[in-house]
Each structure stands twice: as C-alpha cells, then as structure tokens.
Protein backbone atom coordinates (compact mmCIF):
# COMPACT_ATOMS: atom_id res chain seq x y z
CA UNK A 1 25.34 -12.38 -8.89
CA UNK A 2 27.90 -13.26 -11.53
CA UNK A 3 31.33 -11.94 -12.43
CA UNK A 4 31.96 -10.81 -15.96
CA UNK A 5 35.37 -11.15 -17.65
CA UNK A 6 36.39 -9.37 -20.83
CA UNK A 7 39.11 -10.48 -23.25
CA UNK A 8 41.28 -7.48 -24.21
CA UNK A 9 42.92 -6.97 -27.65
CA UNK A 10 46.39 -7.74 -26.20
CA UNK A 11 45.19 -11.13 -24.95
CA UNK A 12 44.85 -10.24 -21.27
CA UNK A 13 41.66 -10.85 -19.36
CA UNK A 14 40.08 -8.07 -17.35
CA UNK A 15 37.58 -8.93 -14.62
CA UNK A 16 34.75 -6.59 -13.80
CA UNK A 17 32.58 -6.14 -10.77
CA UNK A 18 29.86 -8.69 -10.24
CA UNK A 19 26.63 -7.79 -12.00
CA UNK A 20 23.17 -8.42 -10.63
CA UNK A 21 20.92 -10.71 -12.58
CA UNK A 22 17.69 -9.06 -13.63
CA UNK A 23 14.75 -10.17 -11.51
CA UNK A 24 12.33 -12.35 -13.47
CA UNK A 25 9.35 -10.23 -12.39
CA UNK A 26 8.56 -6.58 -12.06
CA UNK A 27 8.64 -4.91 -8.64
CA UNK A 28 5.29 -3.31 -9.47
CA UNK A 29 2.47 -3.84 -6.98
CA UNK A 30 -1.15 -3.55 -8.06
CA UNK A 31 -3.03 -1.79 -5.24
CA UNK A 32 -6.76 -2.40 -4.95
CA UNK A 33 -9.51 -1.57 -2.47
CA UNK A 34 -12.57 -3.67 -1.68
CA UNK A 35 -15.79 -3.03 0.25
CA UNK A 36 -17.39 -5.29 2.81
CA UNK A 37 -21.00 -4.08 2.85
CA UNK A 38 -23.70 -5.58 5.06
CA UNK A 39 -27.32 -4.50 5.14
CA UNK A 40 -29.61 -4.28 8.18
CA UNK A 41 -30.49 -8.00 7.80
CA UNK A 42 -26.80 -8.98 7.88
CA UNK A 43 -26.67 -9.92 4.18
CA UNK A 44 -23.47 -9.12 2.28
CA UNK A 45 -23.25 -7.41 -1.10
CA UNK A 46 -21.20 -9.33 -3.67
CA UNK A 47 -20.55 -8.66 -7.35
CA UNK A 48 -19.38 -10.43 -10.46
CA UNK A 49 -16.93 -8.53 -12.59
CA UNK A 50 -16.63 -8.46 -16.37
CA UNK A 51 -12.85 -8.43 -15.92
CA UNK A 52 -12.78 -11.64 -13.85
CA UNK A 53 -11.73 -14.64 -15.91
CA UNK A 54 -13.33 -17.12 -13.52
CA UNK A 55 -16.66 -15.27 -12.87
CA UNK A 56 -16.40 -15.70 -9.09
CA UNK A 57 -18.44 -13.63 -6.65
CA UNK A 58 -16.36 -11.05 -4.81
CA UNK A 59 -16.61 -7.88 -2.77
CA UNK A 60 -17.01 -4.74 -4.89
CA UNK A 61 -13.88 -2.71 -5.57
CA UNK A 62 -11.07 -2.27 -8.03
CA UNK A 63 -7.62 -0.87 -8.65
CA UNK A 64 -6.72 2.39 -6.94
CA UNK A 65 -6.10 5.30 -9.30
CA UNK A 66 -2.87 7.29 -9.40
CA UNK A 67 -2.88 10.03 -6.75
CA UNK A 68 -5.99 8.60 -5.10
CA UNK A 69 -6.17 7.50 -1.46
CA UNK A 70 -7.24 3.92 -0.78
CA UNK A 71 -10.34 5.03 1.16
CA UNK A 72 -11.47 7.54 -1.46
CA UNK A 73 -10.90 4.97 -4.18
CA UNK A 74 -13.58 2.71 -2.71
CA UNK A 75 -16.01 5.64 -2.35
CA UNK A 76 -15.48 6.51 -6.05
CA UNK A 77 -15.70 2.91 -7.21
CA UNK A 78 -18.95 2.19 -5.35
CA UNK A 79 -20.53 5.36 -6.72
CA UNK A 80 -19.39 4.68 -10.29
CA UNK A 81 -20.18 0.94 -10.37
CA UNK A 82 -23.20 0.64 -8.04
CA UNK A 83 -24.68 4.15 -7.86
CA UNK A 84 -24.39 4.39 -4.07
CA UNK A 85 -22.88 7.02 -1.79
CA UNK A 86 -20.77 5.34 0.90
CA UNK A 87 -18.22 5.95 3.60
CA UNK A 88 -15.48 3.55 4.76
CA UNK A 89 -15.74 2.95 8.51
CA UNK A 90 -12.69 0.77 9.16
CA UNK A 91 -10.15 -1.45 7.46
CA UNK A 92 -11.03 -5.08 8.13
CA UNK A 93 -8.68 -7.14 5.98
CA UNK A 94 -5.46 -6.80 3.98
CA UNK A 95 -4.68 -9.37 1.29
CA UNK A 96 -1.06 -9.56 0.10
CA UNK A 97 -0.85 -11.99 -2.81
CA UNK A 98 1.90 -12.94 -5.24
CA UNK A 99 1.23 -15.00 -8.35
CA UNK A 100 4.39 -17.04 -9.10
CA UNK A 101 3.22 -17.94 -12.59
CA UNK A 102 2.21 -14.49 -13.85
CA UNK A 103 4.52 -12.51 -11.59
CA UNK A 104 1.73 -10.21 -10.43
CA UNK A 105 1.91 -8.84 -6.88
CA UNK A 106 -1.43 -7.56 -5.56
CA UNK A 107 -2.11 -5.75 -2.31
CA UNK A 108 -5.80 -5.32 -1.51
CA UNK A 109 -7.33 -3.41 1.41
CA UNK A 110 -10.89 -4.30 2.43
CA UNK A 111 -12.95 -1.67 4.22
CA UNK A 112 -16.17 -2.11 6.18
CA UNK A 113 -18.38 0.40 4.38
CA UNK A 114 -21.64 2.13 5.32
CA UNK A 115 -24.15 3.09 2.65
CA UNK A 116 -25.16 6.74 3.12
CA UNK A 117 -27.66 6.86 0.27
CA UNK A 118 -28.90 4.87 -2.69
CA UNK A 119 -29.71 1.24 -3.39
CA UNK A 120 -26.94 -0.83 -5.05
CA UNK A 121 -27.52 -1.53 -8.73
CA UNK A 122 -25.19 -2.29 -11.62
CA UNK A 123 -24.57 1.00 -13.46
CA UNK A 124 -23.51 1.75 -17.02
CA UNK A 125 -19.83 1.99 -15.97
CA UNK A 126 -19.33 -1.38 -17.64
CA UNK A 127 -17.22 -2.81 -14.80
CA UNK A 128 -19.77 -5.25 -13.33
CA UNK A 129 -22.08 -7.93 -14.66
CA UNK A 130 -24.13 -8.49 -11.52
CA UNK A 131 -24.60 -7.35 -7.90
CA UNK A 132 -26.59 -9.31 -5.32
CA UNK A 133 -27.21 -9.53 -1.56
CA UNK A 134 -26.40 -12.90 0.05
CA UNK A 135 -27.37 -14.19 3.51
CA UNK A 136 -24.45 -16.66 3.33
CA UNK A 137 -21.48 -16.64 0.95
CA UNK A 138 -22.52 -18.52 -2.22
CA UNK A 139 -20.67 -21.23 -4.10
CA UNK A 140 -17.99 -19.72 -6.32
CA UNK A 141 -16.71 -16.91 -4.10
CA UNK A 142 -13.12 -15.63 -4.12
CA UNK A 143 -10.73 -16.74 -1.38
CA UNK A 144 -10.11 -13.07 -0.51
CA UNK A 145 -13.83 -12.60 0.18
CA UNK A 146 -13.98 -15.67 2.43
CA UNK A 147 -10.94 -14.48 4.40
CA UNK A 148 -12.35 -10.96 4.81
CA UNK A 149 -15.68 -12.33 6.05
CA UNK A 150 -13.87 -14.54 8.58
CA UNK A 151 -11.70 -11.67 9.83
CA UNK A 152 -12.41 -10.75 13.44
CA UNK A 153 -10.08 -7.76 13.67
CA UNK A 154 -11.10 -4.18 12.93
CA UNK A 155 -8.42 -1.59 12.25
CA UNK A 156 -9.35 2.07 12.61
CA UNK A 157 -7.71 4.24 9.95
CA UNK A 158 -7.11 7.82 9.06
CA UNK A 159 -7.11 9.25 5.57
CA UNK A 160 -5.63 12.52 4.41
C-alpha cells in the first residue's frame, strides 16, 4: 500500500489515506470438471482437445457453464462431446492450479464416472479431435490426468 500526497493551490500538502495497489491478475477462477472413465477391462478413456495448445492426452471435460452444477456439467459435456449418457459416482481428484505467467487460476474437479449407455465417439460438437481407450497412460498425458489416476482417495458428494 502507498500513501498519496496532493499539493494544494496555497502550497500546503495534504496527505490522503493509503491506497491499495491493483493486483496484477484477476481474481477470476476458471472452474472445470473432468471425467475419469474406466471400462470393464480397466482401460481409461482419454481425449485430445482442439483447444489444447500442446495436444496432450487428458481426461474428457471442460469449463463449467454459468448456473450449472459441477456434476451436471460433466454429464452434459460427455453427452455433447462423446455421445454417451453417464453419471458421476464420486469425486476423485481436485486440481488447484495457478499460472504465474498468464495469471490464470484454474480449479478442476475430477469425477469417477459410469457410462449408462452409448459407446464413446467424437461427436460433431467440435470440441475434441480424438478419443481413445488406453490400458496404461500414454506418452504425452497431462499432469492433472497422471495425478488423478494416482489418487487413492474417493470423496462421496451430493449435488443439488
């Protein structure tokens, strides 16, 4: 914080209350949801996104819409992007990340998800380039995906 002084017309100096410096970054947090989906053989479903600059494999998901719950966001996203009907079973990982260079703060919730119907395929939504089942995480996978796969905790949740 810094004090600000003002020179008056009569030559006197008037001090003012200290003013807060503006933060260099926005306080905005980008909230996303991700899905950890395993099939009956234990393979995991990973996707490559058109919006990803580095083309890494990651768990399906995206930004949560305004007025949308985190759990329902992943149900919508998986239906829109992969044509499957799903239900989140539990939260398995939370990733809280801050990018010092770009100033972006991202909070991502990963859910263990069950497929109720359909077979995953890239739809015409335009969000994904590729979706594939993997027995083991491939080369070129996001750090968030690795951490979620290594997570041993399961958190039951409620959605309203």
